C-alpha atoms as a PDB file:
ATOM      1  CA  MET A   1       1.476  -3.209  62.946  1.00  0.00           C
ATOM      2  CA  LYS A   2       1.354  -6.731  61.504  1.00  0.00           C
ATOM      3  CA  LYS A   3      -2.434  -6.497  60.958  1.00  0.00           C
ATOM      4  CA  PHE A   4      -1.970  -3.123  59.277  1.00  0.00           C
ATOM      5  CA  LEU A   5       0.606  -4.553  56.838  1.00  0.00           C
ATOM      6  CA  ILE A   6      -1.593  -7.561  56.067  1.00  0.00           C
ATOM      7  CA  THR A   7      -4.566  -5.270  55.456  1.00  0.00           C
ATOM      8  CA  LEU A   8      -2.464  -2.976  53.268  1.00  0.00           C
ATOM      9  CA  PHE A   9      -1.203  -5.988  51.267  1.00  0.00           C
ATOM     10  CA  ALA A  10      -4.767  -7.287  50.820  1.00  0.00           C
ATOM     11  CA  ILE A  11      -5.977  -3.892  49.572  1.00  0.00           C
ATOM     12  CA  PHE A  12      -3.025  -3.587  47.174  1.00  0.00           C
ATOM     13  CA  THR A  13      -3.659  -7.103  45.840  1.00  0.00           C
ATOM     14  CA  PHE A  14      -7.382  -6.335  45.383  1.00  0.00           C
ATOM     15  CA  ILE A  15      -6.577  -3.135  43.494  1.00  0.00           C
ATOM     16  CA  GLN A  16      -4.084  -4.975  41.250  1.00  0.00           C
ATOM     17  CA  VAL A  17      -6.573  -7.755  40.450  1.00  0.00           C
ATOM     18  CA  ASN A  18      -9.388  -5.321  39.699  1.00  0.00           C
ATOM     19  CA  ASN A  19      -7.163  -3.167  37.501  1.00  0.00           C
ATOM     20  CA  ALA A  20      -6.101  -6.037  35.226  1.00  0.00           C
ATOM     21  CA  GLN A  21      -5.979  -4.716  31.687  1.00  0.00           C
ATOM     22  CA  THR A  22      -8.203  -6.196  28.981  1.00  0.00           C
ATOM     23  CA  TYR A  23      -7.022  -6.245  25.365  1.00  0.00           C
ATOM     24  CA  GLU A  24      -8.440  -6.798  21.924  1.00  0.00           C
ATOM     25  CA  PHE A  25      -6.218  -8.436  19.331  1.00  0.00           C
ATOM     26  CA  GLN A  26      -5.678  -8.100  15.607  1.00  0.00           C
ATOM     27  CA  ILE A  27      -3.550 -10.327  13.371  1.00  0.00           C
ATOM     28  CA  VAL A  28      -1.879  -9.337  10.115  1.00  0.00           C
ATOM     29  CA  THR A  29      -0.516 -12.226   8.041  1.00  0.00           C
ATOM     30  CA  VAL A  30       2.140 -11.794   5.362  1.00  0.00           C
ATOM     31  CA  VAL A  31       2.576 -14.639   2.872  1.00  0.00           C
ATOM     32  CA  GLU A  32       5.557 -14.282   0.557  1.00  0.00           C
ATOM     33  CA  SER A  33       6.129 -16.696  -2.284  1.00  0.00           C
ATOM     34  CA  ILE A  34       9.440 -18.490  -2.599  1.00  0.00           C
ATOM     35  CA  VAL A  35       8.420 -20.159  -5.842  1.00  0.00           C
ATOM     36  CA  PRO A  36      11.132 -19.831  -8.511  1.00  0.00           C
ATOM     37  CA  ASN A  37      10.552 -17.754 -11.651  1.00  0.00           C
ATOM     38  CA  GLY A  38       8.066 -15.410  -9.957  1.00  0.00           C
ATOM     39  CA  LEU A  39       5.153 -17.818 -10.412  1.00  0.00           C
ATOM     40  CA  GLY A  40       3.842 -17.601  -6.827  1.00  0.00           C
ATOM     41  CA  ARG A  41       1.557 -15.074  -5.164  1.00  0.00           C
ATOM     42  CA  SER A  42       2.534 -12.867  -2.238  1.00  0.00           C
ATOM     43  CA  ARG A  43       0.001 -11.013  -0.086  1.00  0.00           C
ATOM     44  CA  MET A  44      -0.558  -9.251   3.221  1.00  0.00           C
ATOM     45  CA  VAL A  45      -3.965 -10.146   4.697  1.00  0.00           C
ATOM     46  CA  SER A  46      -5.987  -8.935   7.685  1.00  0.00           C
ATOM     47  CA  ALA A  47      -9.580  -9.761   8.592  1.00  0.00           C
ATOM     48  CA  ASN A  48     -12.207  -7.035   8.922  1.00  0.00           C
ATOM     49  CA  GLU A  49     -14.822  -9.393  10.341  1.00  0.00           C
ATOM     50  CA  VAL A  50     -15.031 -11.054  13.735  1.00  0.00           C
ATOM     51  CA  ARG A  51     -15.689 -14.734  14.319  1.00  0.00           C
ATOM     52  CA  ASP A  52     -16.516 -16.353  17.673  1.00  0.00           C
ATOM     53  CA  TYR A  53     -14.352 -19.449  17.923  1.00  0.00           C
ATOM     54  CA  ALA A  54     -16.892 -21.052  20.277  1.00  0.00           C
ATOM     55  CA  GLU A  55     -19.380 -21.380  17.391  1.00  0.00           C
ATOM     56  CA  PHE A  56     -16.944 -23.665  15.588  1.00  0.00           C
ATOM     57  CA  THR A  57     -15.643 -25.630  18.581  1.00  0.00           C
ATOM     58  CA  SER A  58     -16.781 -28.913  20.061  1.00  0.00           C
ATOM     59  CA  THR A  59     -15.717 -30.386  23.371  1.00  0.00           C
ATOM     60  CA  ARG A  60     -15.369 -34.146  23.203  1.00  0.00           C
ATOM     61  CA  THR A  61     -15.733 -36.473  26.141  1.00  0.00           C
ATOM     62  CA  GLU A  62     -16.112 -40.224  26.614  1.00  0.00           C
ATOM     63  CA  GLU A  63     -19.864 -39.716  26.835  1.00  0.00           C
ATOM     64  CA  ASP A  64     -20.137 -37.245  23.946  1.00  0.00           C
ATOM     65  CA  ASN A  65     -17.755 -37.767  21.044  1.00  0.00           C
ATOM     66  CA  SER A  66     -19.723 -35.675  18.542  1.00  0.00           C
ATOM     67  CA  ARG A  67     -17.902 -33.171  16.401  1.00  0.00           C
ATOM     68  CA  ASN A  68     -18.790 -29.632  15.448  1.00  0.00           C
ATOM     69  CA  LYS A  69     -20.972 -29.614  12.321  1.00  0.00           C
ATOM     70  CA  SER A  70     -20.136 -26.073  11.190  1.00  0.00           C
ATOM     71  CA  LYS A  71     -20.028 -25.459   7.466  1.00  0.00           C
ATOM     72  CA  ARG A  72     -16.858 -24.072   5.945  1.00  0.00           C
ATOM     73  CA  GLY A  73     -18.831 -21.223   4.432  1.00  0.00           C
ATOM     74  CA  ASP A  74     -19.888 -20.107   7.918  1.00  0.00           C
ATOM     75  CA  ILE A  75     -16.256 -19.940   9.019  1.00  0.00           C
ATOM     76  CA  ARG A  76     -14.933 -18.090   5.972  1.00  0.00           C
ATOM     77  CA  VAL A  77     -14.402 -14.360   6.219  1.00  0.00           C
ATOM     78  CA  LYS A  78     -15.393 -12.346   3.164  1.00  0.00           C
ATOM     79  CA  GLY A  79     -14.491  -8.955   4.624  1.00  0.00           C
ATOM     80  CA  PHE A  80     -10.709  -8.646   4.670  1.00  0.00           C
ATOM     81  CA  ASP A  81      -7.887  -6.450   3.425  1.00  0.00           C
ATOM     82  CA  GLU A  82      -5.588  -8.043   0.863  1.00  0.00           C
ATOM     83  CA  THR A  83      -2.462  -6.112  -0.072  1.00  0.00           C
ATOM     84  CA  LYS A  84      -0.463  -7.266  -3.061  1.00  0.00           C
ATOM     85  CA  LEU A  85       3.221  -7.908  -2.447  1.00  0.00           C
ATOM     86  CA  LEU A  86       6.046  -8.883  -4.773  1.00  0.00           C
ATOM     87  CA  ASN A  87       7.491 -12.383  -4.974  1.00  0.00           C
ATOM     88  CA  PHE A  88      10.994 -13.106  -3.677  1.00  0.00           C
ATOM     89  CA  TYR A  89      12.030 -14.639  -6.997  1.00  0.00           C
ATOM     90  CA  ASN A  90      11.732 -13.696 -10.645  1.00  0.00           C
ATOM     91  CA  LEU A  91      13.239 -15.253 -13.774  1.00  0.00           C
ATOM     92  CA  GLY A  92      16.670 -13.949 -12.761  1.00  0.00           C
ATOM     93  CA  GLY A  93      16.565 -15.524  -9.286  1.00  0.00           C
ATOM     94  CA  ILE A  94      16.187 -13.894  -5.890  1.00  0.00           C
ATOM     95  CA  ARG A  95      15.129 -10.267  -6.245  1.00  0.00           C
ATOM     96  CA  PHE A  96      16.382  -8.101  -3.370  1.00  0.00           C
ATOM     97  CA  GLN A  97      14.512  -5.070  -4.694  1.00  0.00           C
ATOM     98  CA  ASN A  98      11.243  -7.023  -4.257  1.00  0.00           C
ATOM     99  CA  ILE A  99      12.161  -7.864  -0.665  1.00  0.00           C
ATOM    100  CA  ALA A 100      12.858  -4.184   0.049  1.00  0.00           C
ATOM    101  CA  ALA A 101       9.557  -3.180  -1.581  1.00  0.00           C
ATOM    102  CA  ASN A 102       7.660  -5.716   0.552  1.00  0.00           C
ATOM    103  CA  ASP A 103       9.430  -4.444   3.666  1.00  0.00           C
ATOM    104  CA  ALA A 104       8.341  -0.888   2.841  1.00  0.00           C
ATOM    105  CA  ILE A 105       4.703  -1.952   2.415  1.00  0.00           C
ATOM    106  CA  VAL A 106       4.673  -4.055   5.599  1.00  0.00           C
ATOM    107  CA  MET A 107       6.329  -1.209   7.551  1.00  0.00           C
ATOM    108  CA  SER A 108       3.619   1.127   6.295  1.00  0.00           C
ATOM    109  CA  LYS A 109       0.947  -1.217   7.674  1.00  0.00           C
ATOM    110  CA  LEU A 110       2.771  -1.636  11.002  1.00  0.00           C
ATOM    111  CA  ASN A 111       3.216   2.128  11.368  1.00  0.00           C
ATOM    112  CA  THR A 112      -0.442   2.760  10.531  1.00  0.00           C
ATOM    113  CA  MET A 113      -1.588   0.242  13.126  1.00  0.00           C
ATOM    114  CA  ALA A 114       0.738   1.769  15.735  1.00  0.00           C
ATOM    115  CA  ALA A 115      -0.672   5.216  14.957  1.00  0.00           C
ATOM    116  CA  ASP A 116      -4.173   3.759  15.453  1.00  0.00           C
ATOM    117  CA  GLY A 117      -3.235   2.655  18.970  1.00  0.00           C
ATOM    118  CA  TRP A 118      -2.258  -0.963  18.287  1.00  0.00           C
ATOM    119  CA  GLU A 119       0.850  -2.364  19.995  1.00  0.00           C
ATOM    120  CA  LEU A 120       2.894  -4.971  18.119  1.00  0.00           C
ATOM    121  CA  PHE A 121       2.700  -7.768  20.655  1.00  0.00           C
ATOM    122  CA  TRP A 122       4.039 -10.914  18.984  1.00  0.00           C
ATOM    123  CA  ILE A 123       5.572 -12.077  15.715  1.00  0.00           C
ATOM    124  CA  ASN A 124       5.543 -15.669  14.417  1.00  0.00           C
ATOM    125  CA  SER A 125       7.179 -16.729  11.208  1.00  0.00           C
ATOM    126  CA  GLY A 126       7.877 -19.902   9.343  1.00  0.00           C
ATOM    127  CA  VAL A 127       8.758 -21.289   5.983  1.00  0.00           C
ATOM    128  CA  GLU A 128       7.440 -24.196   3.952  1.00  0.00           C
ATOM    129  CA  SER A 129       9.895 -24.995   1.247  1.00  0.00           C
ATOM    130  CA  GLU A 130       9.290 -27.778  -1.223  1.00  0.00           C
ATOM    131  CA  GLY A 131       7.247 -29.850   1.222  1.00  0.00           C
ATOM    132  CA  GLY A 132       9.982 -32.466   1.045  1.00  0.00           C
ATOM    133  CA  LYS A 133       9.020 -33.269  -2.544  1.00  0.00           C
ATOM    134  CA  GLY A 134      11.733 -31.385  -4.409  1.00  0.00           C
ATOM    135  CA  ASP A 135       9.121 -29.370  -6.314  1.00  0.00           C
ATOM    136  CA  GLY A 136      10.798 -25.995  -5.680  1.00  0.00           C
ATOM    137  CA  ASN A 137       7.589 -24.478  -4.277  1.00  0.00           C
ATOM    138  CA  GLY A 138       7.105 -22.826  -0.914  1.00  0.00           C
ATOM    139  CA  ILE A 139       5.993 -19.868   1.135  1.00  0.00           C
ATOM    140  CA  PHE A 140       7.428 -17.692   3.850  1.00  0.00           C
ATOM    141  CA  ILE A 141       4.711 -16.663   6.294  1.00  0.00           C
ATOM    142  CA  THR A 142       4.828 -14.078   9.060  1.00  0.00           C
ATOM    143  CA  ARG A 143       1.998 -13.352  11.504  1.00  0.00           C
ATOM    144  CA  TYR A 144       2.038 -10.038  13.312  1.00  0.00           C
ATOM    145  CA  THR A 145      -0.179 -10.048  16.416  1.00  0.00           C
ATOM    146  CA  PHE A 146      -1.257  -6.650  17.702  1.00  0.00           C
ATOM    147  CA  ARG A 147      -3.085  -5.762  20.879  1.00  0.00           C
ATOM    148  CA  ARG A 148      -4.887  -2.650  22.042  1.00  0.00           C
ATOM    149  CA  ALA A 149      -6.175  -1.868  25.502  1.00  0.00           C
ATOM    150  CA  VAL A 150      -9.943  -1.963  25.913  1.00  0.00           C
ATOM    151  CA  ALA A 151     -11.556   0.401  28.385  1.00  0.00           C
ATOM    152  CA  ASN A 152     -12.780  -1.528  31.423  1.00  0.00           C
END
């Protein structure tokens, strides 16, 4: 009986390992200006091109301390979606109607991606306000990471 259970466990483990799901990922970045007087730019951006990070990566060791010599132009993506959003501020101060409008546009993108089979997997957000310089400039950035199962 003990051998049977061990064999059954081994088969179950093998099946679980071989059925590990593979995913592809997509990132949508929302940059919203928190510059007073409506002077900033707010956008939602997502890449339509693929880059292989390995082409732009170097591995440094004691014996080989050379860096990757990739050109910036090779890294840049020219095929991307850029959706205009409204700034958080205008001449009158914070504009809640603009925030609601941005939410509606971002929700539309999230719902479209969900309908296309993408699962919202992770959200990161942060703010850079004034950079410690008292200049009144800044951005609020949110990255939405989606994943979709790839057929094995």
